[in-house]
PDB file of all heavy atoms in Angstrom:
ATOM      1  N   SER A   1      73.109  85.556 111.390  1.00  0.00           N
ATOM      2  CA  SER A   1      73.983  84.399 111.501  1.00  0.00           C
ATOM      3  C   SER A   1      73.944  83.741 112.903  1.00  0.00           C
ATOM      4  O   SER A   1      74.441  82.649 113.058  1.00  0.00           O
ATOM      5  CB  SER A   1      75.460  84.891 111.264  1.00  0.00           C
ATOM      6  OG  SER A   1      75.820  85.844 112.212  1.00  0.00           O
ATOM      7  N   ILE A   2      73.313  84.367 113.807  1.00  0.00           N
ATOM      8  CA  ILE A   2      73.158  83.832 115.156  1.00  0.00           C
ATOM      9  C   ILE A   2      71.693  83.916 115.525  1.00  0.00           C
ATOM     10  O   ILE A   2      70.915  84.547 114.862  1.00  0.00           O
ATOM     11  CB  ILE A   2      73.972  84.560 116.214  1.00  0.00           C
ATOM     12  CG1 ILE A   2      73.570  85.998 116.381  1.00  0.00           C
ATOM     13  CG2 ILE A   2      75.479  84.457 115.850  1.00  0.00           C
ATOM     14  CD1 ILE A   2      74.277  86.765 117.527  1.00  0.00           C
ATOM     15  N   SER A   3      71.350  83.258 116.578  1.00  0.00           N
ATOM     16  CA  SER A   3      69.951  83.310 117.047  1.00  0.00           C
ATOM     17  C   SER A   3      69.542  84.690 117.425  1.00  0.00           C
ATOM     18  O   SER A   3      70.151  85.315 118.265  1.00  0.00           O
ATOM     19  CB  SER A   3      69.749  82.359 118.250  1.00  0.00           C
ATOM     20  OG  SER A   3      68.462  82.470 118.796  1.00  0.00           O
ATOM     21  N   ILE A   4      68.502  85.157 116.770  1.00  0.00           N
ATOM     22  CA  ILE A   4      67.994  86.544 117.115  1.00  0.00           C
ATOM     23  C   ILE A   4      67.361  86.528 118.516  1.00  0.00           C
ATOM     24  O   ILE A   4      67.112  87.609 119.047  1.00  0.00           O
ATOM     25  CB  ILE A   4      67.055  87.081 116.049  1.00  0.00           C
ATOM     26  CG1 ILE A   4      65.809  86.166 115.876  1.00  0.00           C
ATOM     27  CG2 ILE A   4      67.807  87.268 114.709  1.00  0.00           C
ATOM     28  CD1 ILE A   4      64.807  86.766 114.936  1.00  0.00           C
ATOM     29  N   PHE A   5      67.086  85.380 119.051  1.00  0.00           N
ATOM     30  CA  PHE A   5      66.544  85.273 120.357  1.00  0.00           C
ATOM     31  C   PHE A   5      67.564  85.778 121.391  1.00  0.00           C
ATOM     32  O   PHE A   5      67.181  86.249 122.469  1.00  0.00           O
ATOM     33  CB  PHE A   5      66.146  83.854 120.653  1.00  0.00           C
ATOM     34  CG  PHE A   5      65.424  83.708 121.983  1.00  0.00           C
ATOM     35  CD1 PHE A   5      64.119  84.073 122.119  1.00  0.00           C
ATOM     36  CD2 PHE A   5      66.087  83.131 123.082  1.00  0.00           C
ATOM     37  CE1 PHE A   5      63.429  83.921 123.322  1.00  0.00           C
ATOM     38  CE2 PHE A   5      65.447  82.942 124.271  1.00  0.00           C
ATOM     39  CZ  PHE A   5      64.075  83.354 124.404  1.00  0.00           C
ATOM     40  N   SER A   6      68.833  85.693 121.013  1.00  0.00           N
ATOM     41  CA  SER A   6      69.924  86.155 121.888  1.00  0.00           C
ATOM     42  C   SER A   6      70.308  87.629 121.699  1.00  0.00           C
ATOM     43  O   SER A   6      71.135  88.164 122.398  1.00  0.00           O
ATOM     44  CB  SER A   6      71.179  85.322 121.716  1.00  0.00           C
ATOM     45  OG  SER A   6      71.721  85.497 120.431  1.00  0.00           O
ATOM     46  N   ILE A   7      69.640  88.293 120.739  1.00  0.00           N
ATOM     47  CA  ILE A   7      69.924  89.693 120.470  1.00  0.00           C
ATOM     48  C   ILE A   7      68.895  90.546 121.185  1.00  0.00           C
ATOM     49  O   ILE A   7      67.679  90.316 121.025  1.00  0.00           O
ATOM     50  CB  ILE A   7      69.914  89.925 118.975  1.00  0.00           C
ATOM     51  CG1 ILE A   7      70.917  89.081 118.240  1.00  0.00           C
ATOM     52  CG2 ILE A   7      70.138  91.438 118.626  1.00  0.00           C
ATOM     53  CD1 ILE A   7      70.850  89.158 116.720  1.00  0.00           C
ATOM     54  N   ASN A   8      69.365  91.555 121.893  1.00  0.00           N
ATOM     55  CA  ASN A   8      68.452  92.384 122.659  1.00  0.00           C
ATOM     56  C   ASN A   8      67.434  93.096 121.775  1.00  0.00           C
ATOM     57  O   ASN A   8      66.259  93.174 122.157  1.00  0.00           O
ATOM     58  CB  ASN A   8      69.256  93.394 123.505  1.00  0.00           C
ATOM     59  CG  ASN A   8      69.917  92.750 124.697  1.00  0.00           C
ATOM     60  OD1 ASN A   8      69.456  91.740 125.231  1.00  0.00           O
ATOM     61  ND2 ASN A   8      71.025  93.350 125.142  1.00  0.00           N
ATOM     62  N   ALA A   9      67.933  93.631 120.681  1.00  0.00           N
ATOM     63  CA  ALA A   9      67.060  94.356 119.794  1.00  0.00           C
ATOM     64  C   ALA A   9      67.596  94.368 118.425  1.00  0.00           C
ATOM     65  O   ALA A   9      68.809  94.415 118.206  1.00  0.00           O
ATOM     66  CB  ALA A   9      66.850  95.773 120.233  1.00  0.00           C
ATOM     67  N   ILE A  10      66.749  94.229 117.428  1.00  0.00           N
ATOM     68  CA  ILE A  10      67.128  94.155 116.020  1.00  0.00           C
ATOM     69  C   ILE A  10      66.097  94.920 115.205  1.00  0.00           C
ATOM     70  O   ILE A  10      64.958  94.970 115.599  1.00  0.00           O
ATOM     71  CB  ILE A  10      67.357  92.753 115.568  1.00  0.00           C
ATOM     72  CG1 ILE A  10      68.034  92.663 114.205  1.00  0.00           C
ATOM     73  CG2 ILE A  10      65.999  91.982 115.528  1.00  0.00           C
ATOM     74  CD1 ILE A  10      68.545  91.265 113.870  1.00  0.00           C
ATOM     75  N   GLY A  11      66.533  95.459 114.119  1.00  0.00           N
ATOM     76  CA  GLY A  11      65.568  96.169 113.328  1.00  0.00           C
ATOM     77  C   GLY A  11      66.093  96.644 112.006  1.00  0.00           C
ATOM     78  O   GLY A  11      67.065  96.099 111.463  1.00  0.00           O
ATOM     79  N   TRP A  12      65.403  97.613 111.421  1.00  0.00           N
ATOM     80  CA  TRP A  12      65.679  98.105 110.090  1.00  0.00           C
ATOM     81  C   TRP A  12      65.952  99.568 110.120  1.00  0.00           C
ATOM     82  O   TRP A  12      65.263 100.362 110.759  1.00  0.00           O
ATOM     83  CB  TRP A  12      64.462  97.835 109.168  1.00  0.00           C
ATOM     84  CG  TRP A  12      64.180  96.385 108.895  1.00  0.00           C
ATOM     85  CD1 TRP A  12      63.441  95.538 109.647  1.00  0.00           C
ATOM     86  CD2 TRP A  12      64.765  95.619 107.859  1.00  0.00           C
ATOM     87  NE1 TRP A  12      63.423  94.320 109.096  1.00  0.00           N
ATOM     88  CE2 TRP A  12      64.247  94.305 107.985  1.00  0.00           C
ATOM     89  CE3 TRP A  12      65.595  95.902 106.805  1.00  0.00           C
ATOM     90  CZ2 TRP A  12      64.562  93.275 107.067  1.00  0.00           C
ATOM     91  CZ3 TRP A  12      65.993  94.900 105.920  1.00  0.00           C
ATOM     92  CH2 TRP A  12      65.425  93.602 106.084  1.00  0.00           C
ATOM     93  N   TYR A  13      67.003  99.923 109.393  1.00  0.00           N
ATOM     94  CA  TYR A  13      67.374 101.331 109.075  1.00  0.00           C
ATOM     95  C   TYR A  13      67.189 101.472 107.597  1.00  0.00           C
ATOM     96  O   TYR A  13      67.159 100.574 106.783  1.00  0.00           O
ATOM     97  CB  TYR A  13      68.786 101.677 109.456  1.00  0.00           C
ATOM     98  CG  TYR A  13      69.077 101.646 110.926  1.00  0.00           C
ATOM     99  CD1 TYR A  13      69.263 100.423 111.651  1.00  0.00           C
ATOM    100  CD2 TYR A  13      69.197 102.778 111.661  1.00  0.00           C
ATOM    101  CE1 TYR A  13      69.564 100.373 112.957  1.00  0.00           C
ATOM    102  CE2 TYR A  13      69.518 102.776 113.038  1.00  0.00           C
ATOM    103  CZ  TYR A  13      69.710 101.541 113.678  1.00  0.00           C
ATOM    104  OH  TYR A  13      69.970 101.527 114.994  1.00  0.00           O
ATOM    105  N   ARG A  14      67.155 102.764 107.128  1.00  0.00           N
ATOM    106  CA  ARG A  14      67.159 103.016 105.733  1.00  0.00           C
ATOM    107  C   ARG A  14      67.942 104.316 105.423  1.00  0.00           C
ATOM    108  O   ARG A  14      68.060 105.181 106.341  1.00  0.00           O
ATOM    109  CB  ARG A  14      65.746 103.112 105.168  1.00  0.00           C
ATOM    110  CG  ARG A  14      64.971 104.380 105.613  1.00  0.00           C
ATOM    111  CD  ARG A  14      63.535 104.332 105.050  1.00  0.00           C
ATOM    112  NE  ARG A  14      62.776 105.461 105.468  1.00  0.00           N
ATOM    113  CZ  ARG A  14      61.478 105.641 105.244  1.00  0.00           C
ATOM    114  NH1 ARG A  14      60.833 104.698 104.536  1.00  0.00           N
ATOM    115  NH2 ARG A  14      60.821 106.740 105.637  1.00  0.00           N
ATOM    116  N   GLN A  15      68.470 104.376 104.244  1.00  0.00           N
ATOM    117  CA  GLN A  15      69.170 105.579 103.834  1.00  0.00           C
ATOM    118  C   GLN A  15      68.703 105.894 102.413  1.00  0.00           C
ATOM    119  O   GLN A  15      68.882 105.183 101.466  1.00  0.00           O
ATOM    120  CB  GLN A  15      70.667 105.367 103.841  1.00  0.00           C
ATOM    121  CG  GLN A  15      71.441 106.665 103.606  1.00  0.00           C
ATOM    122  CD  GLN A  15      72.920 106.598 103.962  1.00  0.00           C
ATOM    123  OE1 GLN A  15      73.482 105.460 103.975  1.00  0.00           O
ATOM    124  NE2 GLN A  15      73.489 107.688 104.230  1.00  0.00           N
ATOM    125  N   ALA A  16      68.005 107.043 102.322  1.00  0.00           N
ATOM    126  CA  ALA A  16      67.516 107.569 101.092  1.00  0.00           C
ATOM    127  C   ALA A  16      68.563 108.468 100.420  1.00  0.00           C
ATOM    128  O   ALA A  16      69.432 108.998 101.125  1.00  0.00           O
ATOM    129  CB  ALA A  16      66.210 108.322 101.262  1.00  0.00           C
ATOM    130  N   PRO A  17      68.511 108.664  99.149  1.00  0.00           N
ATOM    131  CA  PRO A  17      69.408 109.560  98.466  1.00  0.00           C
ATOM    132  C   PRO A  17      69.463 110.951  99.105  1.00  0.00           C
ATOM    133  O   PRO A  17      68.376 111.545  99.322  1.00  0.00           O
ATOM    134  CB  PRO A  17      68.918 109.635  96.998  1.00  0.00           C
ATOM    135  CG  PRO A  17      68.192 108.291  96.831  1.00  0.00           C
ATOM    136  CD  PRO A  17      67.543 108.023  98.165  1.00  0.00           C
ATOM    137  N   GLY A  18      70.611 111.424  99.440  1.00  0.00           N
ATOM    138  CA  GLY A  18      70.740 112.722 100.016  1.00  0.00           C
ATOM    139  C   GLY A  18      70.299 112.822 101.468  1.00  0.00           C
ATOM    140  O   GLY A  18      70.250 113.941 101.993  1.00  0.00           O
ATOM    141  N   LYS A  19      70.004 111.699 102.109  1.00  0.00           N
ATOM    142  CA  LYS A  19      69.542 111.718 103.459  1.00  0.00           C
ATOM    143  C   LYS A  19      70.449 110.916 104.380  1.00  0.00           C
ATOM    144  O   LYS A  19      71.228 110.061 103.927  1.00  0.00           O
ATOM    145  CB  LYS A  19      68.121 111.083 103.572  1.00  0.00           C
ATOM    146  CG  LYS A  19      67.054 111.850 102.737  1.00  0.00           C
ATOM    147  CD  LYS A  19      66.721 113.120 103.369  1.00  0.00           C
ATOM    148  CE  LYS A  19      65.523 113.795 102.678  1.00  0.00           C
ATOM    149  NZ  LYS A  19      65.093 115.035 103.316  1.00  0.00           N
ATOM    150  N   GLN A  20      70.352 111.150 105.665  1.00  0.00           N
ATOM    151  CA  GLN A  20      71.091 110.355 106.679  1.00  0.00           C
ATOM    152  C   GLN A  20      70.386 109.081 106.896  1.00  0.00           C
ATOM    153  O   GLN A  20      69.186 108.950 106.681  1.00  0.00           O
ATOM    154  CB  GLN A  20      71.209 111.189 107.997  1.00  0.00           C
ATOM    155  CG  GLN A  20      72.005 112.476 107.882  1.00  0.00           C
ATOM    156  CD  GLN A  20      73.461 112.174 107.552  1.00  0.00           C
ATOM    157  OE1 GLN A  20      74.111 111.376 108.164  1.00  0.00           O
ATOM    158  NE2 GLN A  20      73.996 112.852 106.566  1.00  0.00           N
ATOM    159  N   ARG A  21      71.164 108.087 107.311  1.00  0.00           N
ATOM    160  CA  ARG A  21      70.528 106.834 107.678  1.00  0.00           C
ATOM    161  C   ARG A  21      69.612 107.034 108.921  1.00  0.00           C
ATOM    162  O   ARG A  21      69.958 107.768 109.823  1.00  0.00           O
ATOM    163  CB  ARG A  21      71.627 105.818 107.996  1.00  0.00           C
ATOM    164  CG  ARG A  21      71.094 104.392 108.275  1.00  0.00           C
ATOM    165  CD  ARG A  21      72.221 103.447 108.641  1.00  0.00           C
ATOM    166  NE  ARG A  21      72.969 103.015 107.503  1.00  0.00           N
ATOM    167  CZ  ARG A  21      74.218 103.384 107.181  1.00  0.00           C
ATOM    168  NH1 ARG A  21      74.934 104.205 108.023  1.00  0.00           N
ATOM    169  NH2 ARG A  21      74.852 102.954 106.125  1.00  0.00           N
ATOM    170  N   GLU A  22      68.405 106.413 108.838  1.00  0.00           N
ATOM    171  CA  GLU A  22      67.472 106.597 109.913  1.00  0.00           C
ATOM    172  C   GLU A  22      66.866 105.269 110.329  1.00  0.00           C
ATOM    173  O   GLU A  22      66.782 104.303 109.514  1.00  0.00           O
ATOM    174  CB  GLU A  22      66.341 107.523 109.454  1.00  0.00           C
ATOM    175  CG  GLU A  22      65.523 107.021 108.312  1.00  0.00           C
ATOM    176  CD  GLU A  22      64.338 107.922 107.934  1.00  0.00           C
ATOM    177  OE1 GLU A  22      63.999 108.827 108.741  1.00  0.00           O
ATOM    178  OE2 GLU A  22      63.779 107.694 106.882  1.00  0.00           O
ATOM    179  N   LEU A  23      66.440 105.190 111.545  1.00  0.00           N
ATOM    180  CA  LEU A  23      65.828 103.985 112.057  1.00  0.00           C
ATOM    181  C   LEU A  23      64.402 103.918 111.511  1.00  0.00           C
ATOM    182  O   LEU A  23      63.653 104.907 111.654  1.00  0.00           O
ATOM    183  CB  LEU A  23      65.810 103.960 113.560  1.00  0.00           C
ATOM    184  CG  LEU A  23      65.124 102.765 114.267  1.00  0.00           C
ATOM    185  CD1 LEU A  23      65.864 101.482 113.933  1.00  0.00           C
ATOM    186  CD2 LEU A  23      65.029 103.010 115.757  1.00  0.00           C
ATOM    187  N   VAL A  24      64.032 102.777 111.009  1.00  0.00           N
ATOM    188  CA  VAL A  24      62.673 102.583 110.471  1.00  0.00           C
ATOM    189  C   VAL A  24      61.832 101.814 111.524  1.00  0.00           C
ATOM    190  O   VAL A  24      60.670 102.266 111.802  1.00  0.00           O
ATOM    191  CB  VAL A  24      62.684 101.812 109.147  1.00  0.00           C
ATOM    192  CG1 VAL A  24      61.286 101.540 108.673  1.00  0.00           C
ATOM    193  CG2 VAL A  24      63.476 102.589 108.132  1.00  0.00           C
ATOM    194  N   ALA A  25      62.299 100.749 112.052  1.00  0.00           N
ATOM    195  CA  ALA A  25      61.581  99.949 112.979  1.00  0.00           C
ATOM    196  C   ALA A  25      62.530  99.042 113.712  1.00  0.00           C
ATOM    197  O   ALA A  25      63.538  98.622 113.185  1.00  0.00           O
ATOM    198  CB  ALA A  25      60.462  99.130 112.274  1.00  0.00           C
ATOM    199  N   GLY A  26      62.127  98.685 114.946  1.00  0.00           N
ATOM    200  CA  GLY A  26      62.939  97.779 115.745  1.00  0.00           C
ATOM    201  C   GLY A  26      62.070  96.897 116.578  1.00  0.00           C
ATOM    202  O   GLY A  26      60.873  97.195 116.892  1.00  0.00           O
ATOM    203  N   ILE A  27      62.617  95.746 116.947  1.00  0.00           N
ATOM    204  CA  ILE A  27      61.931  94.826 117.782  1.00  0.00           C
ATOM    205  C   ILE A  27      62.852  94.266 118.856  1.00  0.00           C
ATOM    206  O   ILE A  27      64.041  94.007 118.547  1.00  0.00           O
ATOM    207  CB  ILE A  27      61.258  93.657 116.983  1.00  0.00           C
ATOM    208  CG1 ILE A  27      60.441  92.746 117.900  1.00  0.00           C
ATOM    209  CG2 ILE A  27      62.322  92.865 116.226  1.00  0.00           C
ATOM    210  CD1 ILE A  27      59.534  91.820 117.118  1.00  0.00           C
ATOM    211  N   ARG A  28      62.401  94.290 120.077  1.00  0.00           N
ATOM    212  CA  ARG A  28      63.242  93.819 121.151  1.00  0.00           C
ATOM    213  C   ARG A  28      63.023  92.359 121.474  1.00  0.00           C
ATOM    214  O   ARG A  28      62.017  91.784 120.983  1.00  0.00           O
ATOM    215  CB  ARG A  28      62.962  94.641 122.456  1.00  0.00           C
ATOM    216  CG  ARG A  28      63.350  96.119 122.300  1.00  0.00           C
ATOM    217  CD  ARG A  28      63.128  96.897 123.592  1.00  0.00           C
ATOM    218  NE  ARG A  28      63.639  98.258 123.504  1.00  0.00           N
ATOM    219  CZ  ARG A  28      62.953  99.242 123.016  1.00  0.00           C
ATOM    220  NH1 ARG A  28      61.735  99.061 122.552  1.00  0.00           N
ATOM    221  NH2 ARG A  28      63.515 100.502 122.972  1.00  0.00           N
ATOM    222  N   ARG A  29      63.848  91.749 122.202  1.00  0.00           N
ATOM    223  CA  ARG A  29      63.785  90.343 122.528  1.00  0.00           C
ATOM    224  C   ARG A  29      62.467  89.977 123.149  1.00  0.00           C
ATOM    225  O   ARG A  29      61.878  88.917 122.787  1.00  0.00           O
ATOM    226  CB  ARG A  29      64.970  89.884 123.426  1.00  0.00           C
ATOM    227  CG  ARG A  29      65.027  88.438 123.714  1.00  0.00           C
ATOM    228  CD  ARG A  29      66.336  88.093 124.399  1.00  0.00           C
ATOM    229  NE  ARG A  29      66.533  88.923 125.607  1.00  0.00           N
ATOM    230  CZ  ARG A  29      67.685  89.093 126.240  1.00  0.00           C
ATOM    231  NH1 ARG A  29      68.765  88.521 125.747  1.00  0.00           N
ATOM    232  NH2 ARG A  29      67.736  89.828 127.319  1.00  0.00           N
ATOM    233  N   ALA A  30      62.005  90.857 123.978  1.00  0.00           N
ATOM    234  CA  ALA A  30      60.736  90.564 124.690  1.00  0.00           C
ATOM    235  C   ALA A  30      59.520  90.768 123.732  1.00  0.00           C
ATOM    236  O   ALA A  30      58.389  90.370 124.137  1.00  0.00           O
ATOM    237  CB  ALA A  30      60.590  91.447 125.886  1.00  0.00           C
TER     238      ALA A  30
END
């Protein structure tokens, strides 16, 4: 909803059945 250029880091998490949510990948502003 806002410019991702202003976000320090953004990425993807996932949660599989019976598992905890985990970080998949992230990208920083730079």
